């Protein structure tokens, strides 16, 4: 089984002495893993960084056996933010969430497009709010729509927290999320409340019911806005 595609690197781990097993997210094939021989060499190791965009050539003997990747760097992402702890944490967090929550070998072009848009926007000043909207969209595309519009009020204050019951759980939702707008106020309190809301939803709907470990990188990201 042979194919080629562009992808983003979600995770990697050492495999034997000179190889890595990597998890990638492609537009055509979805999330899948494979072995990269020579992945621990200096040349390959330098670009096998989480969130980097790669070109992969895949070969395998059958669909039921792990395949092998030959990789090339298309676009470095993570090295651009090595000195920015918040953005670096966000990149690791977003890749960890996708690696845990996406089903194997099932393409989802909407999530891929949303993810790529988020990656390309992380250099913007309001990037953290785009990240928060990415999580809301991810929750929806994974099969759970929070229907925030149902909790809309006449209050236009972005900082107001709207208490709402969603599917048996009570949440405090920042008003701007319900209004579907980017707030003018970039306060840490508003960011933290937003991240806490999306984390609660993901934990209640995906992680706790399926006995999954919530990624530490996502908690670290939230803590940067304390």
N, C-alpha and C. Protein backbone atom coordinates (compact mmCIF):
# COMPACT_ATOMS: atom_id res chain seq x y z
N UNK A 1 0.86 -1.19 0.00
CA UNK A 1 0.00 0.00 0.00
C UNK A 1 0.89 1.24 0.00
N UNK A 2 0.81 2.03 -1.05
CA UNK A 2 1.70 3.18 -1.23
C UNK A 2 0.87 4.45 -1.47
N UNK A 3 1.22 5.51 -0.77
CA UNK A 3 0.59 6.80 -1.00
C UNK A 3 1.50 7.93 -0.52
N UNK A 4 1.21 9.16 -0.97
CA UNK A 4 1.96 10.34 -0.55
C UNK A 4 0.98 11.43 -0.16
N UNK A 5 1.39 12.27 0.80
CA UNK A 5 0.51 13.36 1.22
C UNK A 5 1.30 14.36 2.06
N UNK A 6 0.72 15.55 2.21
CA UNK A 6 1.23 16.52 3.17
C UNK A 6 0.59 16.24 4.52
N UNK A 7 1.28 16.63 5.58
CA UNK A 7 0.75 16.33 6.92
C UNK A 7 1.38 17.24 7.95
N UNK A 8 0.85 17.15 9.16
CA UNK A 8 1.44 17.82 10.32
C UNK A 8 1.82 16.76 11.35
N UNK A 9 2.96 16.96 11.98
CA UNK A 9 3.45 15.99 12.96
C UNK A 9 2.76 16.23 14.31
N UNK A 10 2.07 15.21 14.80
CA UNK A 10 1.34 15.32 16.07
C UNK A 10 2.16 14.81 17.25
N UNK A 11 2.92 13.74 17.04
CA UNK A 11 3.73 13.19 18.14
C UNK A 11 4.81 12.29 17.56
N UNK A 12 5.80 12.00 18.38
CA UNK A 12 6.84 11.05 17.98
C UNK A 12 7.39 10.37 19.22
N UNK A 13 7.89 9.16 19.02
CA UNK A 13 8.56 8.44 20.11
C UNK A 13 9.63 7.54 19.51
N UNK A 14 10.66 7.32 20.28
CA UNK A 14 11.79 6.54 19.78
C UNK A 14 11.38 5.08 19.59
N UNK A 15 11.89 4.48 18.52
CA UNK A 15 11.61 3.08 18.21
C UNK A 15 12.92 2.42 17.81
N UNK A 16 13.34 1.52 18.64
CA UNK A 16 14.63 0.88 18.44
C UNK A 16 15.74 1.93 18.46
N UNK A 17 16.89 1.57 17.86
CA UNK A 17 18.06 2.43 18.04
C UNK A 17 18.06 3.65 17.14
N UNK A 18 17.61 3.50 15.91
CA UNK A 18 17.76 4.61 14.96
C UNK A 18 16.45 5.01 14.28
N UNK A 19 15.33 4.72 14.92
CA UNK A 19 14.05 5.00 14.28
C UNK A 19 13.08 5.67 15.25
N UNK A 20 12.07 6.29 14.68
CA UNK A 20 10.96 6.87 15.44
C UNK A 20 9.64 6.32 14.93
N UNK A 21 8.67 6.23 15.82
CA UNK A 21 7.29 6.07 15.40
C UNK A 21 6.64 7.44 15.52
N UNK A 22 6.07 7.91 14.42
CA UNK A 22 5.44 9.23 14.43
C UNK A 22 3.95 9.10 14.18
N UNK A 23 3.19 10.02 14.75
CA UNK A 23 1.77 10.17 14.47
C UNK A 23 1.59 11.45 13.68
N UNK A 24 0.88 11.35 12.56
CA UNK A 24 0.69 12.51 11.70
C UNK A 24 -0.80 12.71 11.41
N UNK A 25 -1.13 13.92 10.97
CA UNK A 25 -2.49 14.26 10.58
C UNK A 25 -2.45 14.74 9.14
N UNK A 26 -3.04 13.97 8.24
CA UNK A 26 -3.07 14.30 6.82
C UNK A 26 -4.49 14.65 6.40
N UNK A 27 -4.59 15.38 5.31
CA UNK A 27 -5.92 15.77 4.81
C UNK A 27 -6.63 14.57 4.18
N UNK A 28 -5.90 13.73 3.48
CA UNK A 28 -6.52 12.63 2.74
C UNK A 28 -6.75 11.39 3.59
N UNK A 29 -5.85 11.10 4.51
CA UNK A 29 -5.89 9.85 5.26
C UNK A 29 -6.27 10.02 6.72
N UNK A 30 -6.33 11.25 7.20
CA UNK A 30 -6.63 11.47 8.61
C UNK A 30 -5.41 11.26 9.48
N UNK A 31 -5.64 10.78 10.70
CA UNK A 31 -4.54 10.55 11.64
C UNK A 31 -4.06 9.11 11.52
N UNK A 32 -2.75 8.93 11.46
CA UNK A 32 -2.20 7.58 11.44
C UNK A 32 -0.74 7.62 11.86
N UNK A 33 -0.19 6.45 12.16
CA UNK A 33 1.20 6.39 12.60
C UNK A 33 2.03 5.54 11.66
N UNK A 34 3.33 5.66 11.81
CA UNK A 34 4.24 4.89 10.98
C UNK A 34 5.66 5.03 11.50
N UNK A 35 6.53 4.21 10.96
CA UNK A 35 7.93 4.17 11.39
C UNK A 35 8.79 5.00 10.45
N UNK A 36 9.65 5.81 11.03
CA UNK A 36 10.63 6.57 10.25
C UNK A 36 12.02 6.04 10.59
N UNK A 37 12.59 5.28 9.68
CA UNK A 37 13.96 4.80 9.89
C UNK A 37 14.93 5.96 9.66
N UNK A 38 15.92 6.04 10.54
CA UNK A 38 16.83 7.18 10.50
C UNK A 38 16.26 8.41 11.17
N UNK A 39 15.14 8.24 11.88
CA UNK A 39 14.48 9.37 12.52
C UNK A 39 15.27 9.98 13.66
N UNK A 40 16.25 9.25 14.18
CA UNK A 40 17.07 9.79 15.27
C UNK A 40 18.35 10.44 14.76
N UNK A 41 18.56 10.40 13.44
CA UNK A 41 19.75 11.06 12.88
C UNK A 41 19.62 12.56 13.05
N UNK A 42 20.73 13.24 13.06
CA UNK A 42 20.70 14.68 13.29
C UNK A 42 19.87 15.41 12.25
N UNK A 43 20.02 15.03 10.98
CA UNK A 43 19.31 15.70 9.91
C UNK A 43 17.80 15.59 10.04
N UNK A 44 17.33 14.37 10.26
CA UNK A 44 15.88 14.15 10.36
C UNK A 44 15.34 14.63 11.70
N UNK A 45 16.09 14.37 12.77
CA UNK A 45 15.64 14.77 14.11
C UNK A 45 15.38 16.27 14.19
N UNK A 46 16.18 17.05 13.48
CA UNK A 46 16.04 18.51 13.55
C UNK A 46 14.71 19.01 13.02
N UNK A 47 14.09 18.29 12.08
CA UNK A 47 12.80 18.77 11.57
C UNK A 47 11.61 17.92 12.00
N UNK A 48 11.87 16.80 12.68
CA UNK A 48 10.75 16.04 13.25
C UNK A 48 10.33 16.69 14.57
N UNK A 49 9.79 17.89 14.46
CA UNK A 49 9.34 18.66 15.61
C UNK A 49 7.81 18.77 15.57
N UNK A 50 7.19 18.66 16.73
CA UNK A 50 5.73 18.70 16.83
C UNK A 50 5.18 19.94 16.13
N UNK A 51 4.17 19.74 15.31
CA UNK A 51 3.42 20.76 14.55
C UNK A 51 4.08 21.13 13.22
N UNK A 52 5.30 20.68 12.95
CA UNK A 52 5.91 20.99 11.65
C UNK A 52 5.13 20.34 10.51
N UNK A 53 5.11 21.02 9.37
CA UNK A 53 4.42 20.49 8.20
C UNK A 53 5.41 19.66 7.38
N UNK A 54 5.01 18.43 7.04
CA UNK A 54 5.88 17.49 6.36
C UNK A 54 5.24 16.97 5.08
N UNK A 55 6.09 16.46 4.22
CA UNK A 55 5.64 15.64 3.10
C UNK A 55 6.06 14.22 3.38
N UNK A 56 5.12 13.27 3.30
CA UNK A 56 5.45 11.88 3.62
C UNK A 56 5.13 10.96 2.45
N UNK A 57 6.00 9.99 2.28
CA UNK A 57 5.74 8.86 1.37
C UNK A 57 5.55 7.63 2.24
N UNK A 58 4.41 6.97 2.08
CA UNK A 58 4.04 5.86 2.96
C UNK A 58 4.04 4.54 2.19
N UNK A 59 4.59 3.52 2.81
CA UNK A 59 4.53 2.17 2.26
C UNK A 59 4.19 1.19 3.37
N UNK A 60 3.39 0.19 3.06
CA UNK A 60 3.07 -0.87 4.01
C UNK A 60 2.66 -2.11 3.25
N UNK A 61 2.79 -3.26 3.89
CA UNK A 61 2.45 -4.52 3.25
C UNK A 61 0.94 -4.77 3.25
N UNK A 62 0.26 -4.22 4.26
CA UNK A 62 -1.19 -4.36 4.33
C UNK A 62 -1.76 -3.27 5.21
N UNK A 63 -3.08 -3.09 5.15
CA UNK A 63 -3.73 -2.06 5.95
C UNK A 63 -3.69 -2.36 7.44
N UNK A 64 -3.47 -3.61 7.79
CA UNK A 64 -3.50 -4.02 9.20
C UNK A 64 -2.13 -3.98 9.87
N UNK A 65 -1.09 -3.59 9.10
CA UNK A 65 0.25 -3.53 9.67
C UNK A 65 0.76 -2.10 9.62
N UNK A 66 1.57 -1.72 10.61
CA UNK A 66 2.11 -0.37 10.66
C UNK A 66 3.01 -0.15 9.44
N UNK A 67 2.90 1.03 8.84
CA UNK A 67 3.67 1.33 7.64
C UNK A 67 4.95 2.07 7.94
N UNK A 68 5.62 2.46 6.87
CA UNK A 68 6.89 3.15 6.95
C UNK A 68 6.79 4.48 6.21
N UNK A 69 7.40 5.50 6.79
CA UNK A 69 7.36 6.83 6.20
C UNK A 69 8.76 7.27 5.76
N UNK A 70 8.82 7.89 4.61
CA UNK A 70 9.94 8.73 4.24
C UNK A 70 9.44 10.16 4.34
N UNK A 71 10.22 11.01 5.00
CA UNK A 71 9.72 12.34 5.33
C UNK A 71 10.61 13.45 4.76
N UNK A 72 9.96 14.55 4.44
CA UNK A 72 10.65 15.78 4.04
C UNK A 72 9.96 16.95 4.72
N UNK A 73 10.73 17.96 5.06
CA UNK A 73 10.16 19.16 5.68
C UNK A 73 9.57 20.07 4.62
N UNK A 74 8.32 20.46 4.84
CA UNK A 74 7.68 21.47 3.98
C UNK A 74 7.77 22.85 4.62
N UNK A 75 7.38 22.91 5.89
CA UNK A 75 7.36 24.21 6.57
C UNK A 75 7.63 24.03 8.06
N UNK A 76 8.67 24.68 8.59
CA UNK A 76 8.90 24.62 10.04
C UNK A 76 7.89 25.50 10.77
N UNK A 77 7.30 24.98 11.79
CA UNK A 77 6.32 25.74 12.59
C UNK A 77 6.88 25.97 14.00
N UNK A 78 7.14 24.89 14.71
CA UNK A 78 7.54 25.00 16.12
C UNK A 78 8.82 25.81 16.34
N UNK A 79 9.86 25.70 15.47
CA UNK A 79 11.08 26.48 15.73
C UNK A 79 10.86 27.98 15.76
N UNK A 80 9.81 28.45 15.12
CA UNK A 80 9.54 29.89 15.09
C UNK A 80 9.15 30.42 16.46
N UNK A 81 8.73 29.51 17.36
CA UNK A 81 8.18 29.96 18.65
C UNK A 81 8.90 29.32 19.84
N UNK A 82 10.13 28.86 19.63
CA UNK A 82 10.87 28.23 20.72
C UNK A 82 11.07 29.19 21.90
N UNK A 83 11.11 30.48 21.64
CA UNK A 83 11.30 31.47 22.70
C UNK A 83 10.00 32.06 23.21
N UNK A 84 8.88 31.49 22.78
CA UNK A 84 7.55 31.97 23.19
C UNK A 84 6.84 30.81 23.88
N UNK A 85 6.86 30.81 25.20
CA UNK A 85 6.35 29.67 25.95
C UNK A 85 4.85 29.46 25.76
N UNK A 86 4.07 30.55 25.63
CA UNK A 86 2.62 30.41 25.45
C UNK A 86 2.29 29.78 24.10
N UNK A 87 2.88 30.29 23.04
CA UNK A 87 2.59 29.74 21.72
C UNK A 87 3.14 28.32 21.57
N UNK A 88 4.31 28.08 22.12
CA UNK A 88 4.86 26.72 22.07
C UNK A 88 3.94 25.74 22.79
N UNK A 89 3.44 26.14 23.95
CA UNK A 89 2.52 25.30 24.70
C UNK A 89 1.24 25.06 23.93
N UNK A 90 0.76 26.09 23.23
CA UNK A 90 -0.47 25.96 22.43
C UNK A 90 -0.27 24.96 21.29
N UNK A 91 0.88 25.02 20.63
CA UNK A 91 1.15 24.08 19.53
C UNK A 91 1.19 22.64 20.03
N UNK A 92 1.86 22.44 21.16
CA UNK A 92 1.94 21.09 21.72
C UNK A 92 0.55 20.63 22.16
N UNK A 93 -0.20 21.55 22.75
CA UNK A 93 -1.54 21.23 23.24
C UNK A 93 -2.47 20.83 22.10
N UNK A 94 -2.49 21.62 21.04
CA UNK A 94 -3.40 21.36 19.93
C UNK A 94 -3.07 20.03 19.26
N UNK A 95 -1.78 19.73 19.14
CA UNK A 95 -1.36 18.46 18.54
C UNK A 95 -1.69 17.29 19.46
N UNK A 96 -1.55 17.47 20.76
CA UNK A 96 -1.88 16.41 21.72
C UNK A 96 -3.37 16.10 21.70
N UNK A 97 -4.20 17.14 21.65
CA UNK A 97 -5.65 16.93 21.59
C UNK A 97 -6.05 16.14 20.34
N UNK A 98 -5.50 16.54 19.21
CA UNK A 98 -5.82 15.84 17.97
C UNK A 98 -5.33 14.40 18.00
N UNK A 99 -4.15 14.20 18.55
CA UNK A 99 -3.58 12.86 18.61
C UNK A 99 -4.42 11.92 19.47
N UNK A 100 -5.01 12.47 20.52
CA UNK A 100 -5.83 11.65 21.43
C UNK A 100 -7.25 11.47 20.89
N UNK A 101 -7.84 12.54 20.37
CA UNK A 101 -9.27 12.52 20.07
C UNK A 101 -9.63 12.09 18.65
N UNK A 102 -8.74 12.27 17.70
CA UNK A 102 -9.08 11.89 16.33
C UNK A 102 -9.06 10.37 16.16
N UNK A 103 -10.03 9.81 15.49
CA UNK A 103 -9.99 8.38 15.18
C UNK A 103 -8.92 8.09 14.14
N UNK A 104 -8.36 6.90 14.17
CA UNK A 104 -7.32 6.54 13.23
C UNK A 104 -7.88 6.35 11.82
N UNK A 105 -7.12 6.81 10.85
CA UNK A 105 -7.38 6.55 9.43
C UNK A 105 -8.76 6.98 8.96
N UNK A 106 -9.27 8.05 9.57
CA UNK A 106 -10.56 8.60 9.13
C UNK A 106 -10.37 10.08 8.79
N UNK A 107 -10.34 10.42 7.50
CA UNK A 107 -10.12 11.81 7.12
C UNK A 107 -11.22 12.72 7.63
N UNK A 108 -10.83 13.91 8.04
CA UNK A 108 -11.79 14.94 8.42
C UNK A 108 -11.26 16.26 7.87
N UNK A 109 -11.69 16.62 6.67
CA UNK A 109 -11.15 17.79 6.00
C UNK A 109 -11.50 19.08 6.72
N UNK A 110 -12.64 19.11 7.42
CA UNK A 110 -13.03 20.33 8.14
C UNK A 110 -12.09 20.58 9.32
N UNK A 111 -11.78 19.52 10.07
CA UNK A 111 -10.85 19.68 11.19
C UNK A 111 -9.46 20.02 10.66
N UNK A 112 -9.05 19.37 9.57
CA UNK A 112 -7.73 19.63 9.00
C UNK A 112 -7.63 21.10 8.57
N UNK A 113 -8.64 21.59 7.90
CA UNK A 113 -8.64 22.98 7.44
C UNK A 113 -8.63 23.94 8.62
N UNK A 114 -9.41 23.64 9.65
CA UNK A 114 -9.46 24.48 10.84
C UNK A 114 -8.12 24.48 11.56
N UNK A 115 -7.50 23.29 11.66
CA UNK A 115 -6.20 23.16 12.30
C UNK A 115 -5.14 23.95 11.53
N UNK A 116 -5.13 23.82 10.22
CA UNK A 116 -4.14 24.53 9.41
C UNK A 116 -4.32 26.04 9.52
N UNK A 117 -5.57 26.49 9.55
CA UNK A 117 -5.85 27.92 9.72
C UNK A 117 -5.35 28.42 11.07
N UNK A 118 -5.53 27.61 12.11
CA UNK A 118 -5.04 27.98 13.44
C UNK A 118 -3.52 28.07 13.45
N UNK A 119 -2.86 27.09 12.85
CA UNK A 119 -1.40 27.09 12.79
C UNK A 119 -0.89 28.34 12.07
N UNK A 120 -1.56 28.71 10.99
CA UNK A 120 -1.12 29.86 10.20
C UNK A 120 -1.45 31.19 10.85
N UNK A 121 -2.27 31.17 11.90
CA UNK A 121 -2.69 32.41 12.55
C UNK A 121 -2.05 32.60 13.92
N UNK A 122 -1.20 31.68 14.33
CA UNK A 122 -0.69 31.71 15.71
C UNK A 122 0.28 32.85 15.94
N UNK A 123 0.72 33.50 14.85
CA UNK A 123 1.61 34.66 14.99
C UNK A 123 0.83 35.96 15.22
N UNK A 124 -0.50 35.92 15.10
CA UNK A 124 -1.30 37.13 15.26
C UNK A 124 -1.43 37.52 16.73
N UNK A 125 -1.76 38.78 16.97
CA UNK A 125 -1.87 39.27 18.34
C UNK A 125 -3.00 38.57 19.10
N UNK A 126 -4.11 38.30 18.43
CA UNK A 126 -5.28 37.70 19.10
C UNK A 126 -5.31 36.18 18.94
N UNK A 127 -4.15 35.56 18.75
CA UNK A 127 -4.06 34.13 18.45
C UNK A 127 -4.75 33.26 19.48
N UNK A 128 -4.70 33.64 20.75
CA UNK A 128 -5.25 32.78 21.80
C UNK A 128 -6.77 32.64 21.66
N UNK A 129 -7.43 33.70 21.19
CA UNK A 129 -8.87 33.61 20.99
C UNK A 129 -9.20 32.74 19.77
N UNK A 130 -8.34 32.79 18.76
CA UNK A 130 -8.50 31.90 17.61
C UNK A 130 -8.30 30.45 18.03
N UNK A 131 -7.37 30.25 18.97
CA UNK A 131 -7.14 28.91 19.51
C UNK A 131 -8.40 28.41 20.24
N UNK A 132 -8.99 29.28 21.04
CA UNK A 132 -10.19 28.91 21.79
C UNK A 132 -11.33 28.54 20.84
N UNK A 133 -11.50 29.32 19.78
CA UNK A 133 -12.53 29.01 18.79
C UNK A 133 -12.21 27.71 18.06
N UNK A 134 -10.92 27.43 17.87
CA UNK A 134 -10.56 26.15 17.27
C UNK A 134 -11.04 24.99 18.14
N UNK A 135 -10.86 25.10 19.45
CA UNK A 135 -11.31 24.03 20.34
C UNK A 135 -12.82 23.85 20.28
N UNK A 136 -13.56 24.95 20.23
CA UNK A 136 -15.02 24.86 20.13
C UNK A 136 -15.42 24.16 18.83
N UNK A 137 -14.74 24.52 17.74
CA UNK A 137 -15.03 23.89 16.46
C UNK A 137 -14.65 22.41 16.47
N UNK A 138 -13.53 22.09 17.13
CA UNK A 138 -13.11 20.70 17.23
C UNK A 138 -14.15 19.88 17.98
N UNK A 139 -14.65 20.41 19.08
CA UNK A 139 -15.69 19.74 19.85
C UNK A 139 -16.90 19.44 18.96
N UNK A 140 -17.30 20.42 18.17
CA UNK A 140 -18.45 20.25 17.28
C UNK A 140 -18.19 19.20 16.22
N UNK A 141 -17.02 19.26 15.59
CA UNK A 141 -16.70 18.32 14.50
C UNK A 141 -16.53 16.90 15.01
N UNK A 142 -16.22 16.75 16.29
CA UNK A 142 -16.11 15.41 16.88
C UNK A 142 -17.47 14.85 17.29
N UNK A 143 -18.52 15.64 17.06
CA UNK A 143 -19.86 15.10 17.25
C UNK A 143 -20.67 15.68 18.39
N UNK A 144 -20.15 16.75 19.03
CA UNK A 144 -20.90 17.33 20.14
C UNK A 144 -21.01 18.84 19.94
N UNK A 145 -22.18 19.31 19.59
CA UNK A 145 -22.43 20.73 19.37
C UNK A 145 -22.95 21.35 20.66
N UNK A 146 -22.21 22.33 21.19
CA UNK A 146 -22.62 22.99 22.44
C UNK A 146 -23.81 23.93 22.25
N UNK A 147 -24.12 24.30 20.99
CA UNK A 147 -25.28 25.17 20.69
C UNK A 147 -25.28 26.42 21.58
N UNK A 148 -24.17 27.12 21.61
CA UNK A 148 -24.03 28.28 22.49
C UNK A 148 -25.03 29.38 22.17
N UNK A 149 -25.45 29.47 20.92
CA UNK A 149 -26.38 30.52 20.51
C UNK A 149 -27.69 30.44 21.30
N UNK A 150 -28.03 29.26 21.79
CA UNK A 150 -29.27 29.10 22.56
C UNK A 150 -29.23 29.86 23.89
N UNK A 151 -28.03 30.24 24.32
CA UNK A 151 -27.87 30.92 25.61
C UNK A 151 -27.59 32.41 25.43
N UNK A 152 -27.92 32.92 24.25
CA UNK A 152 -27.68 34.33 23.96
C UNK A 152 -28.59 35.23 24.79
N UNK A 153 -28.06 36.37 25.21
CA UNK A 153 -28.82 37.37 25.97
C UNK A 153 -28.67 38.72 25.28
N UNK A 154 -29.33 39.72 25.83
CA UNK A 154 -29.22 41.08 25.30
C UNK A 154 -27.99 41.81 25.82
N UNK A 155 -27.27 41.18 26.71
CA UNK A 155 -26.07 41.79 27.29
C UNK A 155 -24.92 41.69 26.28
N UNK A 156 -24.31 42.82 25.95
CA UNK A 156 -23.23 42.85 24.97
C UNK A 156 -21.85 42.96 25.59
N UNK A 157 -21.78 42.84 26.90
CA UNK A 157 -20.49 42.90 27.59
C UNK A 157 -19.73 41.58 27.38
N UNK A 158 -18.57 41.65 26.73
CA UNK A 158 -17.79 40.44 26.44
C UNK A 158 -17.35 39.71 27.69
N UNK A 159 -17.16 40.45 28.79
CA UNK A 159 -16.60 39.88 30.00
C UNK A 159 -17.62 39.17 30.88
N UNK A 160 -18.90 39.34 30.58
CA UNK A 160 -19.94 38.72 31.40
C UNK A 160 -19.90 37.20 31.22
N UNK A 161 -20.06 36.49 32.32
CA UNK A 161 -20.14 35.03 32.28
C UNK A 161 -21.61 34.61 32.35
N UNK A 162 -22.02 33.85 31.36
CA UNK A 162 -23.41 33.38 31.30
C UNK A 162 -23.46 31.96 31.85
N UNK A 163 -24.21 31.77 32.90
CA UNK A 163 -24.35 30.43 33.47
C UNK A 163 -25.39 29.66 32.66
N UNK A 164 -25.00 28.48 32.20
CA UNK A 164 -25.89 27.71 31.32
C UNK A 164 -25.77 26.23 31.61
N UNK A 165 -26.90 25.53 31.45
CA UNK A 165 -26.91 24.08 31.58
C UNK A 165 -26.88 23.47 30.19
N UNK A 166 -25.84 22.69 29.93
CA UNK A 166 -25.69 22.04 28.62
C UNK A 166 -25.56 20.54 28.84
N UNK A 167 -26.56 19.83 28.41
CA UNK A 167 -26.55 18.37 28.48
C UNK A 167 -26.28 17.86 29.90
N UNK A 168 -26.90 18.53 30.88
CA UNK A 168 -26.79 18.07 32.26
C UNK A 168 -25.61 18.63 33.03
N UNK A 169 -24.76 19.43 32.38
CA UNK A 169 -23.61 20.04 33.06
C UNK A 169 -23.81 21.55 33.10
N UNK A 170 -23.41 22.16 34.21
CA UNK A 170 -23.52 23.61 34.36
C UNK A 170 -22.17 24.25 34.07
N UNK A 171 -22.18 25.23 33.16
CA UNK A 171 -20.96 25.92 32.77
C UNK A 171 -21.14 27.42 32.93
N UNK A 172 -20.02 28.11 33.11
CA UNK A 172 -19.98 29.57 33.02
C UNK A 172 -19.28 29.91 31.71
N UNK A 173 -20.04 30.51 30.79
CA UNK A 173 -19.56 30.73 29.42
C UNK A 173 -19.31 32.22 29.20
N UNK A 174 -18.10 32.61 28.83
CA UNK A 174 -17.86 34.02 28.46
C UNK A 174 -18.80 34.45 27.35
N UNK A 175 -19.38 35.62 27.51
CA UNK A 175 -20.43 36.09 26.61
C UNK A 175 -19.96 36.20 25.16
N UNK A 176 -18.70 36.55 24.94
CA UNK A 176 -18.23 36.73 23.57
C UNK A 176 -18.25 35.42 22.78
N UNK A 177 -18.10 34.28 23.48
CA UNK A 177 -18.19 32.99 22.80
C UNK A 177 -19.60 32.73 22.29
N UNK A 178 -20.56 33.15 23.06
CA UNK A 178 -21.96 33.01 22.66
C UNK A 178 -22.27 33.94 21.49
N UNK A 179 -21.71 35.15 21.54
CA UNK A 179 -21.94 36.13 20.47
C UNK A 179 -21.14 35.83 19.21
N UNK A 180 -20.19 34.89 19.32
CA UNK A 180 -19.33 34.51 18.19
C UNK A 180 -18.57 35.71 17.64
N UNK A 181 -17.78 36.33 18.52
CA UNK A 181 -16.99 37.48 18.13
C UNK A 181 -15.65 37.43 18.86
N UNK A 182 -14.68 38.15 18.33
CA UNK A 182 -13.39 38.27 19.00
C UNK A 182 -13.47 39.49 19.92
N UNK A 183 -13.22 39.32 21.21
CA UNK A 183 -13.36 40.44 22.14
C UNK A 183 -12.26 41.48 21.97
N UNK A 184 -12.57 42.72 22.33
CA UNK A 184 -11.56 43.78 22.31
C UNK A 184 -10.64 43.67 23.51
N UNK A 185 -11.15 43.12 24.59
CA UNK A 185 -10.39 43.01 25.83
C UNK A 185 -9.56 41.73 25.82
N UNK A 186 -8.24 41.85 25.91
CA UNK A 186 -7.36 40.70 25.89
C UNK A 186 -6.90 40.30 27.30
N UNK A 187 -7.78 40.42 28.27
CA UNK A 187 -7.40 40.17 29.65
C UNK A 187 -7.15 38.69 29.90
N UNK A 188 -6.22 38.41 30.79
CA UNK A 188 -5.91 37.03 31.16
C UNK A 188 -7.10 36.34 31.82
N UNK A 189 -7.89 37.09 32.56
CA UNK A 189 -9.05 36.50 33.23
C UNK A 189 -10.03 35.95 32.20
N UNK A 190 -10.30 36.73 31.17
CA UNK A 190 -11.24 36.30 30.13
C UNK A 190 -10.69 35.08 29.37
N UNK A 191 -9.39 35.10 29.09
CA UNK A 191 -8.77 33.97 28.41
C UNK A 191 -8.86 32.72 29.26
N UNK A 192 -8.54 32.86 30.54
CA UNK A 192 -8.56 31.69 31.44
C UNK A 192 -9.97 31.12 31.58
N UNK A 193 -10.96 31.99 31.70
CA UNK A 193 -12.35 31.52 31.81
C UNK A 193 -12.77 30.77 30.54
N UNK A 194 -12.31 31.26 29.39
CA UNK A 194 -12.66 30.62 28.12
C UNK A 194 -12.01 29.24 28.00
N UNK A 195 -10.72 29.17 28.33
CA UNK A 195 -10.00 27.90 28.27
C UNK A 195 -10.58 26.90 29.27
N UNK A 196 -10.99 27.40 30.43
CA UNK A 196 -11.58 26.51 31.44
C UNK A 196 -12.90 25.94 30.94
N UNK A 197 -13.69 26.77 30.26
CA UNK A 197 -14.97 26.29 29.72
C UNK A 197 -14.75 25.18 28.70
N UNK A 198 -13.89 25.41 27.71
CA UNK A 198 -13.67 24.40 26.68
C UNK A 198 -13.04 23.14 27.26
N UNK A 199 -12.16 23.32 28.25
CA UNK A 199 -11.58 22.14 28.89
C UNK A 199 -12.65 21.31 29.59
N UNK A 200 -13.55 21.97 30.31
CA UNK A 200 -14.63 21.24 30.99
C UNK A 200 -15.47 20.44 30.00
N UNK A 201 -15.81 21.07 28.88
CA UNK A 201 -16.64 20.38 27.88
C UNK A 201 -15.90 19.16 27.34
N UNK A 202 -14.64 19.33 26.97
CA UNK A 202 -13.87 18.21 26.43
C UNK A 202 -13.73 17.08 27.45
N UNK A 203 -13.49 17.44 28.70
CA UNK A 203 -13.36 16.41 29.73
C UNK A 203 -14.68 15.67 29.93
N UNK A 204 -15.78 16.42 30.01
CA UNK A 204 -17.08 15.81 30.29
C UNK A 204 -17.59 14.94 29.14
N UNK A 205 -17.28 15.34 27.90
CA UNK A 205 -17.86 14.64 26.75
C UNK A 205 -16.93 13.61 26.12
N UNK A 206 -15.63 13.78 26.25
CA UNK A 206 -14.71 12.89 25.55
C UNK A 206 -13.74 12.15 26.48
N UNK A 207 -13.12 12.89 27.37
CA UNK A 207 -12.03 12.29 28.15
C UNK A 207 -12.53 11.40 29.28
N UNK A 208 -13.39 11.92 30.13
CA UNK A 208 -13.87 11.14 31.28
C UNK A 208 -14.67 9.92 30.84
N UNK A 209 -15.64 10.05 29.92
CA UNK A 209 -16.42 8.87 29.51
C UNK A 209 -15.58 7.76 28.87
N UNK A 210 -14.46 8.15 28.24
CA UNK A 210 -13.63 7.17 27.55
C UNK A 210 -12.35 6.83 28.31
N UNK A 211 -12.29 7.29 29.57
CA UNK A 211 -11.14 6.96 30.42
C UNK A 211 -9.82 7.42 29.80
N UNK A 212 -9.83 8.59 29.19
CA UNK A 212 -8.65 9.14 28.55
C UNK A 212 -7.97 10.16 29.46
N UNK A 213 -6.65 10.23 29.36
CA UNK A 213 -5.89 11.19 30.14
C UNK A 213 -5.87 12.54 29.42
N UNK A 214 -6.30 13.58 30.13
CA UNK A 214 -6.29 14.91 29.53
C UNK A 214 -4.85 15.38 29.41
N UNK A 215 -4.45 15.95 28.23
CA UNK A 215 -3.04 16.28 28.02
C UNK A 215 -2.53 17.36 28.97
N UNK A 216 -1.38 17.10 29.55
CA UNK A 216 -0.76 18.03 30.49
C UNK A 216 -0.43 19.35 29.81
N UNK A 217 -0.06 19.29 28.54
CA UNK A 217 0.30 20.51 27.81
C UNK A 217 -0.86 21.49 27.75
N UNK A 218 -2.09 20.96 27.69
CA UNK A 218 -3.27 21.83 27.64
C UNK A 218 -3.49 22.52 28.98
N UNK A 219 -3.23 21.82 30.07
CA UNK A 219 -3.35 22.42 31.41
C UNK A 219 -2.27 23.48 31.60
N UNK A 220 -1.07 23.21 31.11
CA UNK A 220 0.03 24.18 31.20
C UNK A 220 -0.33 25.46 30.45
N UNK A 221 -0.91 25.32 29.27
CA UNK A 221 -1.33 26.48 28.50
C UNK A 221 -2.30 27.34 29.30
N UNK A 222 -3.27 26.70 29.91
CA UNK A 222 -4.27 27.42 30.71
C UNK A 222 -3.61 28.15 31.87
N UNK A 223 -2.62 27.51 32.49
CA UNK A 223 -1.96 28.10 33.66
C UNK A 223 -1.14 29.34 33.32
N UNK A 224 -0.74 29.48 32.07
CA UNK A 224 0.01 30.67 31.69
C UNK A 224 -0.82 31.94 31.80
N UNK A 225 -2.13 31.80 31.88
CA UNK A 225 -3.02 32.96 31.92
C UNK A 225 -3.63 33.16 33.31
N UNK A 226 -3.00 32.61 34.32
CA UNK A 226 -3.44 32.83 35.70
C UNK A 226 -3.05 34.23 36.17
